[in-house]
Structure formats: C-alpha cells, structure tokens
Amino acid sequence: MENAVLKVNDLGLKKELEKLFTKVKHLTEKYNSYREENGVLKEKMKDIEQAFSDLKIEVSNKNSELLSKDRELTELKNKLLDEKKNKISGDEKTQLKSRIKDLIVRLDTHLEQKANTNF
C-alpha cells in the first residue's frame, strides 16, 4: 500500500515539475525575445543619434556660411558707402548693388529654408 502512495506522490511531483519546467522554458523564450528586441532598439537608437549628430553639424555649417555671407554683405555695404564718398564709377556701383541684392536674396532663401525646417 505504501508503494502505491509513493507512486501517486511521485506522479504528482513529476507533473508539477513538468509544469514548472514548461513555465521556465516559456519565460526563457520571452527573455530571449525581449533581449533581441532590446538589441534592435539599441541599434536604432544609435542610428538616430548619428543622424541627429549629422544634422547638428549640417546646421552648424549652414550657420557658418550665413555668418560669412553676412560679413561679405557688410563689407559690400561699407564699400558702397565709401563709394559715395570716393565717387567710384557707375559700373562698379552697379556691380556692388547687384552683388548686395544677390546676397540678400540668398540670405532670405536660407532663412526661409531654416524656418521651414524648424516647423
């Protein structure tokens, strides 16, 4: 009789161990799946950070160009003012005015593009 009770207990223990093993296996699969997904997300995050860094460099370069163009525009305006004092030729005056207008258009275009990318 004791032998039969031990067999029943052994079968119950075996079933509980099988259930526990199944749960552990299921949790391990979930863990591996989440770990893989986490790796993919980390890679995507690196790509996004790299793109953001590239965009910051591009904005910095555009700002440098803008400052350079602004300096050139200031120099041309000063030349134009000096021209009024020094009476330079009409052709030079026309060239300076044309160059200033060109730079203003380019600056306006750049500022519009910058405004559009910020919104």
PDB file of N, CA and C in Angstrom:
ATOM      1  N   MET A   1       0.818  -1.190   0.000  1.00  0.00           N
ATOM      2  CA  MET A   1       0.000   0.000   0.000  1.00  0.00           C
ATOM      3  C   MET A   1       0.865   1.259   0.000  1.00  0.00           C
ATOM      4  N   GLU A   2       1.895   1.216   0.786  1.00  0.00           N
ATOM      5  CA  GLU A   2       2.802   2.372   0.832  1.00  0.00           C
ATOM      6  C   GLU A   2       3.433   2.615  -0.531  1.00  0.00           C
ATOM      7  N   ASN A   3       3.723   1.550  -1.207  1.00  0.00           N
ATOM      8  CA  ASN A   3       4.308   1.644  -2.539  1.00  0.00           C
ATOM      9  C   ASN A   3       3.370   2.376  -3.494  1.00  0.00           C
ATOM     10  N   ALA A   4       2.106   2.106  -3.433  1.00  0.00           N
ATOM     11  CA  ALA A   4       1.114   2.750  -4.287  1.00  0.00           C
ATOM     12  C   ALA A   4       1.019   4.240  -3.949  1.00  0.00           C
ATOM     13  N   VAL A   5       1.091   4.589  -2.689  1.00  0.00           N
ATOM     14  CA  VAL A   5       1.032   6.001  -2.273  1.00  0.00           C
ATOM     15  C   VAL A   5       2.266   6.733  -2.779  1.00  0.00           C
ATOM     16  N   LEU A   6       3.417   6.091  -2.695  1.00  0.00           N
ATOM     17  CA  LEU A   6       4.649   6.712  -3.190  1.00  0.00           C
ATOM     18  C   LEU A   6       4.581   6.948  -4.696  1.00  0.00           C
ATOM     19  N   LYS A   7       3.993   5.982  -5.426  1.00  0.00           N
ATOM     20  CA  LYS A   7       3.862   6.147  -6.870  1.00  0.00           C
ATOM     21  C   LYS A   7       2.955   7.329  -7.193  1.00  0.00           C
ATOM     22  N   VAL A   8       1.855   7.479  -6.478  1.00  0.00           N
ATOM     23  CA  VAL A   8       0.933   8.598  -6.700  1.00  0.00           C
ATOM     24  C   VAL A   8       1.648   9.912  -6.402  1.00  0.00           C
ATOM     25  N   ASN A   9       2.374   9.959  -5.285  1.00  0.00           N
ATOM     26  CA  ASN A   9       3.116  11.173  -4.925  1.00  0.00           C
ATOM     27  C   ASN A   9       4.186  11.489  -5.974  1.00  0.00           C
ATOM     28  N   ASP A  10       4.859  10.420  -6.442  1.00  0.00           N
ATOM     29  CA  ASP A  10       5.880  10.615  -7.464  1.00  0.00           C
ATOM     30  C   ASP A  10       5.265  11.163  -8.758  1.00  0.00           C
ATOM     31  N   LEU A  11       4.103  10.644  -9.136  1.00  0.00           N
ATOM     32  CA  LEU A  11       3.432  11.127 -10.348  1.00  0.00           C
ATOM     33  C   LEU A  11       3.005  12.585 -10.182  1.00  0.00           C
ATOM     34  N   GLY A  12       2.501  12.938  -9.025  1.00  0.00           N
ATOM     35  CA  GLY A  12       2.088  14.330  -8.767  1.00  0.00           C
ATOM     36  C   GLY A  12       3.286  15.264  -8.798  1.00  0.00           C
ATOM     37  N   LEU A  13       4.376  14.815  -8.191  1.00  0.00           N
ATOM     38  CA  LEU A  13       5.606  15.608  -8.190  1.00  0.00           C
ATOM     39  C   LEU A  13       6.147  15.758  -9.612  1.00  0.00           C
ATOM     40  N   LYS A  14       6.073  14.670 -10.365  1.00  0.00           N
ATOM     41  CA  LYS A  14       6.558  14.703 -11.744  1.00  0.00           C
ATOM     42  C   LYS A  14       5.740  15.696 -12.578  1.00  0.00           C
ATOM     43  N   LYS A  15       4.406  15.690 -12.421  1.00  0.00           N
ATOM     44  CA  LYS A  15       3.539  16.610 -13.162  1.00  0.00           C
ATOM     45  C   LYS A  15       3.849  18.055 -12.774  1.00  0.00           C
ATOM     46  N   GLU A  16       4.044  18.299 -11.493  1.00  0.00           N
ATOM     47  CA  GLU A  16       4.345  19.666 -11.032  1.00  0.00           C
ATOM     48  C   GLU A  16       5.697  20.124 -11.563  1.00  0.00           C
ATOM     49  N   LEU A  17       6.670  19.206 -11.602  1.00  0.00           N
ATOM     50  CA  LEU A  17       7.975  19.558 -12.152  1.00  0.00           C
ATOM     51  C   LEU A  17       7.880  19.849 -13.650  1.00  0.00           C
ATOM     52  N   GLU A  18       7.064  19.082 -14.366  1.00  0.00           N
ATOM     53  CA  GLU A  18       6.867  19.320 -15.790  1.00  0.00           C
ATOM     54  C   GLU A  18       6.216  20.689 -16.026  1.00  0.00           C
ATOM     55  N   LYS A  19       5.225  21.028 -15.195  1.00  0.00           N
ATOM     56  CA  LYS A  19       4.584  22.344 -15.304  1.00  0.00           C
ATOM     57  C   LYS A  19       5.601  23.457 -15.044  1.00  0.00           C
ATOM     58  N   LEU A  20       6.383  23.251 -13.994  1.00  0.00           N
ATOM     59  CA  LEU A  20       7.395  24.251 -13.657  1.00  0.00           C
ATOM     60  C   LEU A  20       8.421  24.389 -14.783  1.00  0.00           C
ATOM     61  N   PHE A  21       8.848  23.274 -15.336  1.00  0.00           N
ATOM     62  CA  PHE A  21       9.800  23.290 -16.447  1.00  0.00           C
ATOM     63  C   PHE A  21       9.205  24.033 -17.656  1.00  0.00           C
ATOM     64  N   THR A  22       7.937  23.785 -17.956  1.00  0.00           N
ATOM     65  CA  THR A  22       7.261  24.453 -19.068  1.00  0.00           C
ATOM     66  C   THR A  22       7.224  25.962 -18.838  1.00  0.00           C
ATOM     67  N   LYS A  23       6.910  26.369 -17.613  1.00  0.00           N
ATOM     68  CA  LYS A  23       6.876  27.798 -17.298  1.00  0.00           C
ATOM     69  C   LYS A  23       8.264  28.423 -17.434  1.00  0.00           C
ATOM     70  N   VAL A  24       9.282  27.727 -16.957  1.00  0.00           N
ATOM     71  CA  VAL A  24      10.655  28.230 -17.056  1.00  0.00           C
ATOM     72  C   VAL A  24      11.055  28.355 -18.529  1.00  0.00           C
ATOM     73  N   LYS A  25      10.708  27.354 -19.315  1.00  0.00           N
ATOM     74  CA  LYS A  25      11.022  27.379 -20.741  1.00  0.00           C
ATOM     75  C   LYS A  25      10.324  28.556 -21.424  1.00  0.00           C
ATOM     76  N   HIS A  26       9.061  28.779 -21.079  1.00  0.00           N
ATOM     77  CA  HIS A  26       8.299  29.889 -21.651  1.00  0.00           C
ATOM     78  C   HIS A  26       8.915  31.236 -21.245  1.00  0.00           C
ATOM     79  N   LEU A  27       9.295  31.375 -20.000  1.00  0.00           N
ATOM     80  CA  LEU A  27       9.928  32.612 -19.532  1.00  0.00           C
ATOM     81  C   LEU A  27      11.284  32.838 -20.198  1.00  0.00           C
ATOM     82  N   THR A  28      12.017  31.768 -20.410  1.00  0.00           N
ATOM     83  CA  THR A  28      13.317  31.888 -21.087  1.00  0.00           C
ATOM     84  C   THR A  28      13.130  32.359 -22.521  1.00  0.00           C
ATOM     85  N   GLU A  29      12.128  31.820 -23.203  1.00  0.00           N
ATOM     86  CA  GLU A  29      11.846  32.245 -24.570  1.00  0.00           C
ATOM     87  C   GLU A  29      11.465  33.730 -24.611  1.00  0.00           C
ATOM     88  N   LYS A  30      10.632  34.149 -23.662  1.00  0.00           N
ATOM     89  CA  LYS A  30      10.242  35.559 -23.588  1.00  0.00           C
ATOM     90  C   LYS A  30      11.469  36.435 -23.334  1.00  0.00           C
ATOM     91  N   TYR A  31      12.310  36.008 -22.416  1.00  0.00           N
ATOM     92  CA  TYR A  31      13.516  36.770 -22.086  1.00  0.00           C
ATOM     93  C   TYR A  31      14.407  36.928 -23.320  1.00  0.00           C
ATOM     94  N   ASN A  32      14.609  35.838 -24.040  1.00  0.00           N
ATOM     95  CA  ASN A  32      15.444  35.891 -25.252  1.00  0.00           C
ATOM     96  C   ASN A  32      14.820  36.810 -26.315  1.00  0.00           C
ATOM     97  N   SER A  33      13.508  36.730 -26.448  1.00  0.00           N
ATOM     98  CA  SER A  33      12.816  37.584 -27.412  1.00  0.00           C
ATOM     99  C   SER A  33      12.978  39.063 -27.038  1.00  0.00           C
ATOM    100  N   TYR A  34      12.799  39.387 -25.772  1.00  0.00           N
ATOM    101  CA  TYR A  34      12.945  40.771 -25.317  1.00  0.00           C
ATOM    102  C   TYR A  34      14.392  41.243 -25.439  1.00  0.00           C
ATOM    103  N   ARG A  35      15.313  40.347 -25.191  1.00  0.00           N
ATOM    104  CA  ARG A  35      16.729  40.710 -25.312  1.00  0.00           C
ATOM    105  C   ARG A  35      17.074  41.037 -26.768  1.00  0.00           C
ATOM    106  N   GLU A  36      16.563  40.244 -27.707  1.00  0.00           N
ATOM    107  CA  GLU A  36      16.786  40.522 -29.127  1.00  0.00           C
ATOM    108  C   GLU A  36      16.141  41.844 -29.529  1.00  0.00           C
ATOM    109  N   GLU A  37      14.916  42.056 -29.088  1.00  0.00           N
ATOM    110  CA  GLU A  37      14.215  43.310 -29.394  1.00  0.00           C
ATOM    111  C   GLU A  37      14.967  44.504 -28.803  1.00  0.00           C
ATOM    112  N   ASN A  38      15.482  44.351 -27.608  1.00  0.00           N
ATOM    113  CA  ASN A  38      16.265  45.404 -26.967  1.00  0.00           C
ATOM    114  C   ASN A  38      17.514  45.724 -27.791  1.00  0.00           C
ATOM    115  N   GLY A  39      18.167  44.703 -28.321  1.00  0.00           N
ATOM    116  CA  GLY A  39      19.345  44.908 -29.163  1.00  0.00           C
ATOM    117  C   GLY A  39      18.999  45.674 -30.427  1.00  0.00           C
ATOM    118  N   VAL A  40      17.874  45.324 -31.038  1.00  0.00           N
ATOM    119  CA  VAL A  40      17.423  46.022 -32.241  1.00  0.00           C
ATOM    120  C   VAL A  40      17.126  47.489 -31.917  1.00  0.00           C
ATOM    121  N   LEU A  41      16.458  47.721 -30.802  1.00  0.00           N
ATOM    122  CA  LEU A  41      16.134  49.094 -30.413  1.00  0.00           C
ATOM    123  C   LEU A  41      17.393  49.900 -30.104  1.00  0.00           C
ATOM    124  N   LYS A  42      18.392  49.261 -29.501  1.00  0.00           N
ATOM    125  CA  LYS A  42      19.654  49.962 -29.231  1.00  0.00           C
ATOM    126  C   LYS A  42      20.328  50.368 -30.536  1.00  0.00           C
ATOM    127  N   GLU A  43      20.302  49.492 -31.539  1.00  0.00           N
ATOM    128  CA  GLU A  43      20.877  49.817 -32.837  1.00  0.00           C
ATOM    129  C   GLU A  43      20.130  50.982 -33.492  1.00  0.00           C
ATOM    130  N   LYS A  44      18.799  50.942 -33.412  1.00  0.00           N
ATOM    131  CA  LYS A  44      18.009  52.031 -33.974  1.00  0.00           C
ATOM    132  C   LYS A  44      18.338  53.337 -33.262  1.00  0.00           C
ATOM    133  N   MET A  45      18.505  53.265 -31.961  1.00  0.00           N
ATOM    134  CA  MET A  45      18.840  54.459 -31.176  1.00  0.00           C
ATOM    135  C   MET A  45      20.194  55.022 -31.605  1.00  0.00           C
ATOM    136  N   LYS A  46      21.164  54.151 -31.846  1.00  0.00           N
ATOM    137  CA  LYS A  46      22.479  54.599 -32.323  1.00  0.00           C
ATOM    138  C   LYS A  46      22.344  55.295 -33.671  1.00  0.00           C
ATOM    139  N   ASP A  47      21.535  54.711 -34.567  1.00  0.00           N
ATOM    140  CA  ASP A  47      21.323  55.309 -35.887  1.00  0.00           C
ATOM    141  C   ASP A  47      20.674  56.691 -35.763  1.00  0.00           C
ATOM    142  N   ILE A  48      19.696  56.799 -34.886  1.00  0.00           N
ATOM    143  CA  ILE A  48      19.014  58.081 -34.687  1.00  0.00           C
ATOM    144  C   ILE A  48      19.985  59.106 -34.102  1.00  0.00           C
ATOM    145  N   GLU A  49      20.788  58.699 -33.131  1.00  0.00           N
ATOM    146  CA  GLU A  49      21.766  59.610 -32.542  1.00  0.00           C
ATOM    147  C   GLU A  49      22.779  60.067 -33.588  1.00  0.00           C
ATOM    148  N   GLN A  50      23.197  59.165 -34.466  1.00  0.00           N
ATOM    149  CA  GLN A  50      24.144  59.526 -35.527  1.00  0.00           C
ATOM    150  C   GLN A  50      23.514  60.523 -36.502  1.00  0.00           C
ATOM    151  N   ALA A  51      22.264  60.263 -36.873  1.00  0.00           N
ATOM    152  CA  ALA A  51      21.563  61.178 -37.780  1.00  0.00           C
ATOM    153  C   ALA A  51      21.401  62.550 -37.137  1.00  0.00           C
ATOM    154  N   PHE A  52      21.074  62.567 -35.856  1.00  0.00           N
ATOM    155  CA  PHE A  52      20.925  63.826 -35.132  1.00  0.00           C
ATOM    156  C   PHE A  52      22.249  64.580 -35.092  1.00  0.00           C
ATOM    157  N   SER A  53      23.320  63.859 -34.842  1.00  0.00           N
ATOM    158  CA  SER A  53      24.647  64.469 -34.816  1.00  0.00           C
ATOM    159  C   SER A  53      25.002  65.046 -36.186  1.00  0.00           C
ATOM    160  N   ASP A  54      24.702  64.305 -37.234  1.00  0.00           N
ATOM    161  CA  ASP A  54      24.957  64.787 -38.596  1.00  0.00           C
ATOM    162  C   ASP A  54      24.161  66.061 -38.884  1.00  0.00           C
ATOM    163  N   LEU A  55      22.919  66.096 -38.432  1.00  0.00           N
ATOM    164  CA  LEU A  55      22.083  67.273 -38.653  1.00  0.00           C
ATOM    165  C   LEU A  55      22.611  68.474 -37.871  1.00  0.00           C
ATOM    166  N   LYS A  56      23.101  68.238 -36.668  1.00  0.00           N
ATOM    167  CA  LYS A  56      23.671  69.340 -35.888  1.00  0.00           C
ATOM    168  C   LYS A  56      24.894  69.917 -36.597  1.00  0.00           C
ATOM    169  N   ILE A  57      25.722  69.052 -37.163  1.00  0.00           N
ATOM    170  CA  ILE A  57      26.904  69.508 -37.903  1.00  0.00           C
ATOM    171  C   ILE A  57      26.472  70.304 -39.131  1.00  0.00           C
ATOM    172  N   GLU A  58      25.457  69.802 -39.823  1.00  0.00           N
ATOM    173  CA  GLU A  58      24.964  70.492 -41.012  1.00  0.00           C
ATOM    174  C   GLU A  58      24.432  71.888 -40.656  1.00  0.00           C
ATOM    175  N   VAL A  59      23.682  71.981 -39.564  1.00  0.00           N
ATOM    176  CA  VAL A  59      23.162  73.282 -39.124  1.00  0.00           C
ATOM    177  C   VAL A  59      24.313  74.208 -38.758  1.00  0.00           C
ATOM    178  N   SER A  60      25.302  73.670 -38.087  1.00  0.00           N
ATOM    179  CA  SER A  60      26.463  74.472 -37.721  1.00  0.00           C
ATOM    180  C   SER A  60      27.177  75.004 -38.960  1.00  0.00           C
ATOM    181  N   ASN A  61      27.333  74.150 -39.960  1.00  0.00           N
ATOM    182  CA  ASN A  61      27.961  74.574 -41.221  1.00  0.00           C
ATOM    183  C   ASN A  61      27.138  75.651 -41.919  1.00  0.00           C
ATOM    184  N   LYS A  62      25.825  75.479 -41.924  1.00  0.00           N
ATOM    185  CA  LYS A  62      24.955  76.474 -42.557  1.00  0.00           C
ATOM    186  C   LYS A  62      25.051  77.804 -41.812  1.00  0.00           C
ATOM    187  N   ASN A  63      25.122  77.749 -40.496  1.00  0.00           N
ATOM    188  CA  ASN A  63      25.258  78.978 -39.719  1.00  0.00           C
ATOM    189  C   ASN A  63      26.584  79.667 -40.022  1.00  0.00           C
ATOM    190  N   SER A  64      27.638  78.894 -40.186  1.00  0.00           N
ATOM    191  CA  SER A  64      28.939  79.470 -40.549  1.00  0.00           C
ATOM    192  C   SER A  64      28.869  80.139 -41.912  1.00  0.00           C
ATOM    193  N   GLU A  65      28.219  79.465 -42.858  1.00  0.00           N
ATOM    194  CA  GLU A  65      28.050  80.054 -44.185  1.00  0.00           C
ATOM    195  C   GLU A  65      27.261  81.358 -44.095  1.00  0.00           C
ATOM    196  N   LEU A  66      26.221  81.335 -43.295  1.00  0.00           N
ATOM    197  CA  LEU A  66      25.391  82.520 -43.130  1.00  0.00           C
ATOM    198  C   LEU A  66      26.197  83.678 -42.545  1.00  0.00           C
ATOM    199  N   LEU A  67      27.015  83.395 -41.553  1.00  0.00           N
ATOM    200  CA  LEU A  67      27.860  84.438 -40.969  1.00  0.00           C
ATOM    201  C   LEU A  67      28.847  84.979 -41.996  1.00  0.00           C
ATOM    202  N   SER A  68      29.415  84.091 -42.783  1.00  0.00           N
ATOM    203  CA  SER A  68      30.348  84.509 -43.820  1.00  0.00           C
ATOM    204  C   SER A  68      29.657  85.413 -44.841  1.00  0.00           C
ATOM    205  N   LYS A  69      28.472  85.027 -45.260  1.00  0.00           N
ATOM    206  CA  LYS A  69      27.723  85.826 -46.229  1.00  0.00           C
ATOM    207  C   LYS A  69      27.334  87.174 -45.616  1.00  0.00           C
ATOM    208  N   ASP A  70      26.994  87.161 -44.348  1.00  0.00           N
ATOM    209  CA  ASP A  70      26.638  88.397 -43.669  1.00  0.00           C
ATOM    210  C   ASP A  70      27.848  89.345 -43.609  1.00  0.00           C
ATOM    211  N   ARG A  71      29.018  88.783 -43.314  1.00  0.00           N
ATOM    212  CA  ARG A  71      30.247  89.600 -43.304  1.00  0.00           C
ATOM    213  C   ARG A  71      30.517  90.197 -44.680  1.00  0.00           C
ATOM    214  N   GLU A  72      30.355  89.371 -45.711  1.00  0.00           N
ATOM    215  CA  GLU A  72      30.580  89.847 -47.074  1.00  0.00           C
ATOM    216  C   GLU A  72      29.586  90.952 -47.420  1.00  0.00           C
ATOM    217  N   LEU A  73      28.340  90.763 -47.007  1.00  0.00           N
ATOM    218  CA  LEU A  73      27.320  91.772 -47.254  1.00  0.00           C
ATOM    219  C   LEU A  73      27.676  93.090 -46.553  1.00  0.00           C
ATOM    220  N   THR A  74      28.134  92.993 -45.323  1.00  0.00           N
ATOM    221  CA  THR A  74      28.547  94.194 -44.581  1.00  0.00           C
ATOM    222  C   THR A  74      29.706  94.886 -45.275  1.00  0.00           C
ATOM    223  N   GLU A  75      30.678  94.121 -45.735  1.00  0.00           N
ATOM    224  CA  GLU A  75      31.812  94.701 -46.453  1.00  0.00           C
ATOM    225  C   GLU A  75      31.355  95.413 -47.725  1.00  0.00           C
ATOM    226  N   LEU A  76      30.442  94.789 -48.437  1.00  0.00           N
ATOM    227  CA  LEU A  76      29.945  95.404 -49.674  1.00  0.00           C
ATOM    228  C   LEU A  76      29.155  96.676 -49.384  1.00  0.00           C
ATOM    229  N   LYS A  77      28.374  96.652 -48.323  1.00  0.00           N
ATOM    230  CA  LYS A  77      27.638  97.864 -47.944  1.00  0.00           C
ATOM    231  C   LYS A  77      28.617  98.980 -47.585  1.00  0.00           C
ATOM    232  N   ASN A  78      29.660  98.623 -46.856  1.00  0.00           N
ATOM    233  CA  ASN A  78      30.673  99.619 -46.499  1.00  0.00           C
ATOM    234  C   ASN A  78      31.362 100.163 -47.740  1.00  0.00           C
ATOM    235  N   LYS A  79      31.657  99.296 -48.690  1.00  0.00           N
ATOM    236  CA  LYS A  79      32.260  99.753 -49.944  1.00  0.00           C
ATOM    237  C   LYS A  79      31.316 100.712 -50.666  1.00  0.00           C
ATOM    238  N   LEU A  80      30.053 100.376 -50.645  1.00  0.00           N
ATOM    239  CA  LEU A  80      29.064 101.226 -51.298  1.00  0.00           C
ATOM    240  C   LEU A  80      28.997 102.586 -50.618  1.00  0.00           C
ATOM    241  N   LEU A  81      29.050 102.588 -49.297  1.00  0.00           N
ATOM    242  CA  LEU A  81      29.058 103.856 -48.564  1.00  0.00           C
ATOM    243  C   LEU A  81      30.327 104.649 -48.870  1.00  0.00           C
ATOM    244  N   ASP A  82      31.454 103.934 -48.905  1.00  0.00           N
ATOM    245  CA  ASP A  82      32.717 104.592 -49.245  1.00  0.00           C
ATOM    246  C   ASP A  82      32.670 105.138 -50.668  1.00  0.00           C
ATOM    247  N   GLU A  83      31.993 104.422 -51.537  1.00  0.00           N
ATOM    248  CA  GLU A  83      31.874 104.828 -52.937  1.00  0.00           C
ATOM    249  C   GLU A  83      31.189 106.174 -53.031  1.00  0.00           C
ATOM    250  N   LYS A  84      30.214 106.364 -52.184  1.00  0.00           N
ATOM    251  CA  LYS A  84      29.525 107.655 -52.201  1.00  0.00           C
ATOM    252  C   LYS A  84      30.496 108.773 -51.836  1.00  0.00           C
ATOM    253  N   LYS A  85      31.402 108.449 -50.925  1.00  0.00           N
ATOM    254  CA  LYS A  85      32.400 109.435 -50.528  1.00  0.00           C
ATOM    255  C   LYS A  85      33.493 109.577 -51.584  1.00  0.00           C
ATOM    256  N   ASN A  86      33.908 108.481 -52.165  1.00  0.00           N
ATOM    257  CA  ASN A  86      35.048 108.474 -53.092  1.00  0.00           C
ATOM    258  C   ASN A  86      34.649 108.569 -54.557  1.00  0.00           C
ATOM    259  N   LYS A  87      33.390 108.559 -54.832  1.00  0.00           N
ATOM    260  CA  LYS A  87      32.892 108.689 -56.200  1.00  0.00           C
ATOM    261  C   LYS A  87      33.486 107.642 -57.145  1.00  0.00           C
ATOM    262  N   ILE A  88      33.199 106.361 -56.865  1.00  0.00           N
ATOM    263  CA  ILE A  88      33.665 105.329 -57.790  1.00  0.00           C
ATOM    264  C   ILE A  88      32.756 105.303 -59.013  1.00  0.00           C
ATOM    265  N   SER A  89      33.185 104.590 -60.026  1.00  0.00           N
ATOM    266  CA  SER A  89      32.492 104.614 -61.316  1.00  0.00           C
ATOM    267  C   SER A  89      31.097 103.996 -61.214  1.00  0.00           C
ATOM    268  N   GLY A  90      30.267 104.327 -62.170  1.00  0.00           N
ATOM    269  CA  GLY A  90      28.903 103.808 -62.224  1.00  0.00           C
ATOM    270  C   GLY A  90      28.870 102.305 -62.402  1.00  0.00           C
ATOM    271  N   ASP A  91      29.802 101.758 -63.167  1.00  0.00           N
ATOM    272  CA  ASP A  91      29.850 100.295 -63.367  1.00  0.00           C
ATOM    273  C   ASP A  91      30.146  99.579 -62.051  1.00  0.00           C
ATOM    274  N   GLU A  92      31.102 100.093 -61.305  1.00  0.00           N
ATOM    275  CA  GLU A  92      31.430  99.471 -60.012  1.00  0.00           C
ATOM    276  C   GLU A  92      30.250  99.588 -59.058  1.00  0.00           C
ATOM    277  N   LYS A  93      29.602 100.726 -59.099  1.00  0.00           N
ATOM    278  CA  LYS A  93      28.436 100.949 -58.248  1.00  0.00           C
ATOM    279  C   LYS A  93      27.334  99.938 -58.591  1.00  0.00           C
ATOM    280  N   THR A  94      27.093  99.742 -59.862  1.00  0.00           N
ATOM    281  CA  THR A  94      26.072  98.801 -60.320  1.00  0.00           C
ATOM    282  C   THR A  94      26.437  97.374 -59.923  1.00  0.00           C
ATOM    283  N   GLN A  95      27.697  97.010 -60.052  1.00  0.00           N
ATOM    284  CA  GLN A  95      28.155  95.673 -59.662  1.00  0.00           C
ATOM    285  C   GLN A  95      27.963  95.461 -58.161  1.00  0.00           C
ATOM    286  N   LEU A  96      28.312  96.470 -57.366  1.00  0.00           N
ATOM    287  CA  LEU A  96      28.148  96.349 -55.915  1.00  0.00           C
ATOM    288  C   LEU A  96      26.681  96.205 -55.536  1.00  0.00           C
ATOM    289  N   LYS A  97      25.840  97.020 -56.128  1.00  0.00           N
ATOM    290  CA  LYS A  97      24.410  96.933 -55.841  1.00  0.00           C
ATOM    291  C   LYS A  97      23.872  95.564 -56.230  1.00  0.00           C
ATOM    292  N   SER A  98      24.294  95.079 -57.386  1.00  0.00           N
ATOM    293  CA  SER A  98      23.843  93.768 -57.860  1.00  0.00           C
ATOM    294  C   SER A  98      24.305  92.663 -56.912  1.00  0.00           C
ATOM    295  N   ARG A  99      25.548  92.749 -56.466  1.00  0.00           N
ATOM    296  CA  ARG A  99      26.093  91.734 -55.547  1.00  0.00           C
ATOM    297  C   ARG A  99      25.360  91.764 -54.202  1.00  0.00           C
ATOM    298  N   ILE A 100      25.063  92.971 -53.716  1.00  0.00           N
ATOM    299  CA  ILE A 100      24.334  93.103 -52.452  1.00  0.00           C
ATOM    300  C   ILE A 100      22.939  92.503 -52.585  1.00  0.00           C
ATOM    301  N   LYS A 101      22.251  92.804 -53.673  1.00  0.00           N
ATOM    302  CA  LYS A 101      20.913  92.253 -53.898  1.00  0.00           C
ATOM    303  C   LYS A 101      20.970  90.728 -53.957  1.00  0.00           C
ATOM    304  N   ASP A 102      21.983  90.205 -54.639  1.00  0.00           N
ATOM    305  CA  ASP A 102      22.151  88.751 -54.749  1.00  0.00           C
ATOM    306  C   ASP A 102      22.348  88.126 -53.371  1.00  0.00           C
ATOM    307  N   LEU A 103      23.192  88.734 -52.561  1.00  0.00           N
ATOM    308  CA  LEU A 103      23.439  88.194 -51.218  1.00  0.00           C
ATOM    309  C   LEU A 103      22.190  88.277 -50.350  1.00  0.00           C
ATOM    310  N   ILE A 104      21.440  89.351 -50.469  1.00  0.00           N
ATOM    311  CA  ILE A 104      20.199  89.479 -49.692  1.00  0.00           C
ATOM    312  C   ILE A 104      19.220  88.382 -50.085  1.00  0.00           C
ATOM    313  N   VAL A 105      19.083  88.130 -51.377  1.00  0.00           N
ATOM    314  CA  VAL A 105      18.188  87.058 -51.848  1.00  0.00           C
ATOM    315  C   VAL A 105      18.646  85.714 -51.307  1.00  0.00           C
ATOM    316  N   ARG A 106      19.948  85.446 -51.353  1.00  0.00           N
ATOM    317  CA  ARG A 106      20.477  84.169 -50.858  1.00  0.00           C
ATOM    318  C   ARG A 106      20.257  84.039 -49.355  1.00  0.00           C
ATOM    319  N   LEU A 107      20.452  85.124 -48.617  1.00  0.00           N
ATOM    320  CA  LEU A 107      20.218  85.089 -47.169  1.00  0.00           C
ATOM    321  C   LEU A 107      18.738  84.860 -46.871  1.00  0.00           C
ATOM    322  N   ASP A 108      17.860  85.543 -47.592  1.00  0.00           N
ATOM    323  CA  ASP A 108      16.424  85.342 -47.399  1.00  0.00           C
ATOM    324  C   ASP A 108      16.033  83.909 -47.677  1.00  0.00           C
ATOM    325  N   THR A 109      16.551  83.344 -48.747  1.00  0.00           N
ATOM    326  CA  THR A 109      16.256  81.953 -49.101  1.00  0.00           C
ATOM    327  C   THR A 109      16.741  81.009 -48.008  1.00  0.00           C
ATOM    328  N   HIS A 110      17.945  81.262 -47.538  1.00  0.00           N
ATOM    329  CA  HIS A 110      18.496  80.405 -46.476  1.00  0.00           C
ATOM    330  C   HIS A 110      17.642  80.503 -45.208  1.00  0.00           C
ATOM    331  N   LEU A 111      17.255  81.720 -44.848  1.00  0.00           N
ATOM    332  CA  LEU A 111      16.437  81.901 -43.641  1.00  0.00           C
ATOM    333  C   LEU A 111      15.069  81.260 -43.794  1.00  0.00           C
ATOM    334  N   GLU A 112      14.475  81.326 -44.979  1.00  0.00           N
ATOM    335  CA  GLU A 112      13.194  80.674 -45.219  1.00  0.00           C
ATOM    336  C   GLU A 112      13.325  79.168 -45.097  1.00  0.00           C
ATOM    337  N   GLN A 113      14.403  78.616 -45.648  1.00  0.00           N
ATOM    338  CA  GLN A 113      14.632  77.168 -45.548  1.00  0.00           C
ATOM    339  C   GLN A 113      14.806  76.770 -44.098  1.00  0.00           C
ATOM    340  N   LYS A 114      15.558  77.571 -43.364  1.00  0.00           N
ATOM    341  CA  LYS A 114      15.784  77.272 -41.949  1.00  0.00           C
ATOM    342  C   LYS A 114      14.474  77.343 -41.172  1.00  0.00           C
ATOM    343  N   ALA A 115      13.653  78.353 -41.475  1.00  0.00           N
ATOM    344  CA  ALA A 115      12.365  78.499 -40.800  1.00  0.00           C
ATOM    345  C   ALA A 115      11.462  77.311 -41.126  1.00  0.00           C
ATOM    346  N   ASN A 116      11.489  76.850 -42.370  1.00  0.00           N
ATOM    347  CA  ASN A 116      10.649  75.714 -42.767  1.00  0.00           C
ATOM    348  C   ASN A 116      11.093  74.433 -42.098  1.00  0.00           C
ATOM    349  N   THR A 117      12.386  74.238 -41.903  1.00  0.00           N
ATOM    350  CA  THR A 117      12.862  73.006 -41.259  1.00  0.00           C
ATOM    351  C   THR A 117      12.622  73.029 -39.768  1.00  0.00           C
ATOM    352  N   ASN A 118      12.496  74.197 -39.177  1.00  0.00           N
ATOM    353  CA  ASN A 118      12.227  74.292 -37.736  1.00  0.00           C
ATOM    354  C   ASN A 118      10.770  74.011 -37.421  1.00  0.00           C
ATOM    355  N   PHE A 119       9.885  74.146 -38.391  1.00  0.00           N
ATOM    356  CA  PHE A 119       8.470  73.885 -38.157  1.00  0.00           C
ATOM    357  C   PHE A 119       8.137  72.587 -38.769  1.00  0.00           C
TER     358      PHE A 119
END
